[in-house]
Amino acid sequence: MSTVALNRPARVAGRAASVLVALALIALAATLLALQEQFRDVEARVAAFLMDPFVHGRTAPAGSIVWFGLGTQQVTGFQITTLCSTVILVTPLLAAAGLMLLVRPLALGRVLVGLAIGTGIVTLCNLLRYGFAAIAMQTWGSDGFELVHRYLGSLLVIAGFIAAVILLLRFATMRSTPQRGRHS
């Protein structure tokens, strides 16, 4: 029996696993879109927790609103809307990873590593945008908020998303390199 024949069941099992994971990633993307309101509530809790040490006063979430400046004269709340949520950044990454696994045979582990790193990058960038917007609001008022929210924060999130897509593609299409300089 040839080596090719012996490797065929392993390749078929590996492809089946990739297809199952691909379908799960696409289903997760659809689920995130369907449950984005609940996701924004969780996102507000995380943002409030992370912003608390950096803003004046205390922070508290209420649904999808992050309140900050509690206990001061300047209490402000930001509502995390659908278009500002991390969902809008993570969903296309999940769908892209799933579609890549469906379209061509790729190393499942590498795709998942690229997806995990990319998801971390866009999540961090969006949470930083929230924090910078809160600090700008407290420091420079609504003009500072507008500058960070609409422009600087958007540039940060766009750059993070581009980096996430590039890393996902890079990891997904990376080939194993033979070890050099190894002698028997």
Protein backbone atom coordinates (compact mmCIF):
# COMPACT_ATOMS: atom_id res chain seq x y z
CA MET A 1 0.00 0.00 0.00
CA SER A 2 1.36 3.42 -0.89
CA THR A 3 2.00 6.31 1.49
CA VAL A 4 -0.64 8.34 -0.36
CA ALA A 5 -3.29 5.73 0.38
CA LEU A 6 -2.33 5.65 4.05
CA ASN A 7 -2.53 9.44 4.36
CA ARG A 8 -5.92 9.75 2.64
CA PRO A 9 -8.08 9.00 5.73
CA ALA A 10 -6.14 11.57 7.76
CA ARG A 11 -6.60 14.19 5.02
CA VAL A 12 -10.33 13.44 4.78
CA ALA A 13 -10.73 13.69 8.56
CA GLY A 14 -8.74 16.93 8.62
CA ARG A 15 -10.86 18.40 5.83
CA ALA A 16 -14.06 17.36 7.62
CA ALA A 17 -12.84 19.07 10.80
CA SER A 18 -12.02 22.23 8.82
CA VAL A 19 -15.48 22.27 7.26
CA LEU A 20 -17.15 21.81 10.66
CA VAL A 21 -15.08 24.61 12.19
CA ALA A 22 -15.78 26.80 9.16
CA LEU A 23 -19.52 26.31 9.55
CA ALA A 24 -19.23 26.98 13.30
CA LEU A 25 -17.34 30.25 12.64
CA ILE A 26 -19.95 31.40 10.14
CA ALA A 27 -22.73 30.44 12.57
CA LEU A 28 -20.94 32.34 15.34
CA ALA A 29 -20.74 35.43 13.11
CA ALA A 30 -24.48 35.22 12.43
CA THR A 31 -25.19 34.65 16.13
CA LEU A 32 -23.12 37.70 17.11
CA LEU A 33 -25.14 39.80 14.70
CA ALA A 34 -28.40 38.42 16.08
CA LEU A 35 -27.30 38.93 19.69
CA GLN A 36 -25.43 42.18 19.17
CA GLU A 37 -27.57 44.03 21.70
CA GLN A 38 -26.56 41.61 24.46
CA PHE A 39 -22.96 41.74 23.23
CA ARG A 40 -22.99 45.55 23.52
CA ASP A 41 -24.18 45.23 27.13
CA VAL A 42 -21.20 42.98 27.91
CA GLU A 43 -18.92 45.30 25.97
CA ALA A 44 -20.12 48.25 28.09
CA ARG A 45 -19.26 46.32 31.27
CA VAL A 46 -15.78 45.52 30.00
CA ALA A 47 -15.22 49.10 28.80
CA ALA A 48 -16.38 50.55 32.14
CA PHE A 49 -14.04 48.21 34.03
CA LEU A 50 -11.05 49.06 31.83
CA MET A 51 -11.74 52.81 31.73
CA ASP A 52 -12.23 53.16 35.49
CA PRO A 53 -8.55 53.69 36.43
CA PHE A 54 -8.05 56.31 33.71
CA VAL A 55 -11.03 58.67 34.02
CA HIS A 56 -11.99 61.11 36.74
CA GLY A 57 -14.60 59.63 39.05
CA ARG A 58 -16.01 56.14 38.88
CA THR A 59 -17.47 54.26 35.93
CA ALA A 60 -20.56 52.09 35.71
CA PRO A 61 -22.31 50.28 32.89
CA ALA A 62 -26.05 50.39 32.36
CA GLY A 63 -27.11 48.22 29.45
CA SER A 64 -25.05 49.39 26.49
CA ILE A 65 -24.20 52.72 28.16
CA VAL A 66 -20.88 53.37 29.87
CA TRP A 67 -21.23 56.06 32.55
CA PHE A 68 -18.07 57.77 33.74
CA GLY A 69 -17.28 60.67 36.03
CA LEU A 70 -19.61 59.32 38.71
CA GLY A 71 -18.99 61.17 41.97
CA THR A 72 -17.79 64.29 40.11
CA GLN A 73 -19.57 67.34 38.72
CA GLN A 74 -19.24 65.99 35.18
CA VAL A 75 -21.10 62.70 34.71
CA THR A 76 -21.22 61.52 31.11
CA GLY A 77 -22.56 58.42 29.43
CA PHE A 78 -21.60 56.88 26.10
CA GLN A 79 -23.99 54.52 24.43
CA ILE A 80 -22.27 51.80 22.45
CA THR A 81 -24.30 51.61 19.27
CA THR A 82 -24.29 48.79 16.75
CA LEU A 83 -21.99 50.69 14.38
CA CYS A 84 -19.52 51.50 17.19
CA SER A 85 -19.54 48.02 18.69
CA THR A 86 -16.73 45.51 18.37
CA VAL A 87 -19.33 43.18 16.81
CA ILE A 88 -19.04 45.13 13.56
CA LEU A 89 -15.30 44.36 13.53
CA VAL A 90 -15.27 40.75 14.78
CA THR A 91 -18.14 39.47 12.62
CA PRO A 92 -16.37 39.91 9.26
CA LEU A 93 -13.22 38.29 10.66
CA LEU A 94 -15.20 35.24 11.79
CA ALA A 95 -17.03 35.02 8.46
CA ALA A 96 -13.81 35.47 6.47
CA ALA A 97 -12.01 32.76 8.42
CA GLY A 98 -14.96 30.42 7.95
CA LEU A 99 -15.20 31.11 4.23
CA MET A 100 -11.44 30.66 3.76
CA LEU A 101 -11.67 27.24 5.41
CA LEU A 102 -14.60 26.28 3.19
CA VAL A 103 -13.08 27.48 -0.08
CA ARG A 104 -9.66 25.87 0.13
CA PRO A 105 -7.79 23.48 2.34
CA LEU A 106 -5.82 25.52 4.86
CA ALA A 107 -4.11 24.57 8.09
CA LEU A 108 -6.95 24.83 10.61
CA GLY A 109 -4.65 25.70 13.50
CA ARG A 110 -3.02 28.55 11.61
CA VAL A 111 -6.37 30.02 10.59
CA LEU A 112 -7.58 29.88 14.20
CA VAL A 113 -4.37 31.48 15.50
CA GLY A 114 -4.68 34.28 12.93
CA LEU A 115 -8.34 34.72 13.83
CA ALA A 116 -7.58 34.84 17.56
CA ILE A 117 -4.82 37.43 17.10
CA GLY A 118 -6.96 39.49 14.72
CA THR A 119 -9.94 39.39 17.06
CA GLY A 120 -7.72 40.49 19.93
CA ILE A 121 -6.36 43.40 17.89
CA VAL A 122 -9.75 44.77 16.81
CA THR A 123 -11.18 44.33 20.30
CA LEU A 124 -8.24 46.14 21.90
CA CYS A 125 -8.37 48.96 19.33
CA ASN A 126 -12.09 49.50 19.89
CA LEU A 127 -11.76 49.44 23.67
CA LEU A 128 -8.89 51.94 23.41
CA ARG A 129 -11.12 54.15 21.27
CA TYR A 130 -13.79 54.12 24.00
CA GLY A 131 -11.23 54.97 26.66
CA PHE A 132 -9.58 57.73 24.63
CA ALA A 133 -13.01 59.22 23.84
CA ALA A 134 -13.90 59.29 27.54
CA ILE A 135 -10.59 60.91 28.49
CA ALA A 136 -10.93 63.44 25.65
CA MET A 137 -14.48 64.26 26.79
CA GLN A 138 -13.34 64.92 30.33
CA THR A 139 -10.27 66.87 29.23
CA TRP A 140 -11.49 68.92 26.25
CA GLY A 141 -15.27 68.57 26.34
CA SER A 142 -17.44 67.68 23.38
CA ASP A 143 -14.86 68.94 20.87
CA GLY A 144 -12.32 66.48 22.26
CA PHE A 145 -14.90 63.71 22.15
CA GLU A 146 -15.79 64.47 18.52
CA LEU A 147 -12.13 64.55 17.50
CA VAL A 148 -11.40 61.17 19.09
CA HIS A 149 -14.70 59.44 18.33
CA ARG A 150 -15.10 60.47 14.72
CA TYR A 151 -11.53 60.85 13.52
CA LEU A 152 -8.61 59.65 15.62
CA GLY A 153 -10.49 56.73 17.16
CA SER A 154 -11.89 55.74 13.78
CA LEU A 155 -8.40 55.77 12.28
CA LEU A 156 -7.18 53.57 15.15
CA VAL A 157 -10.00 51.08 14.61
CA ILE A 158 -9.55 51.05 10.82
CA ALA A 159 -5.79 50.50 11.20
CA GLY A 160 -6.48 47.71 13.71
CA PHE A 161 -8.99 46.07 11.37
CA ILE A 162 -6.57 46.22 8.44
CA ALA A 163 -3.82 44.71 10.60
CA ALA A 164 -6.22 41.99 11.76
CA VAL A 165 -7.19 41.06 8.20
CA ILE A 166 -3.57 41.02 7.06
CA LEU A 167 -2.55 38.82 10.00
CA LEU A 168 -5.48 36.46 9.44
CA LEU A 169 -4.52 36.08 5.77
CA ARG A 170 -0.82 35.77 6.61
CA PHE A 171 -1.36 33.05 9.20
CA ALA A 172 -3.94 31.24 7.06
CA THR A 173 -1.70 31.04 4.02
CA MET A 174 1.61 30.48 5.81
CA ARG A 175 3.50 27.39 4.71
CA SER A 176 5.59 25.23 6.97
CA THR A 177 9.26 25.85 6.46
CA PRO A 178 11.69 22.97 6.76
CA GLN A 179 14.13 23.24 9.63
CA ARG A 180 17.52 24.40 8.44
CA GLY A 181 20.90 23.34 9.68
CA ARG A 182 19.64 20.11 11.22
CA HIS A 183 21.97 17.19 10.67
CA SER A 184 21.41 13.57 11.50
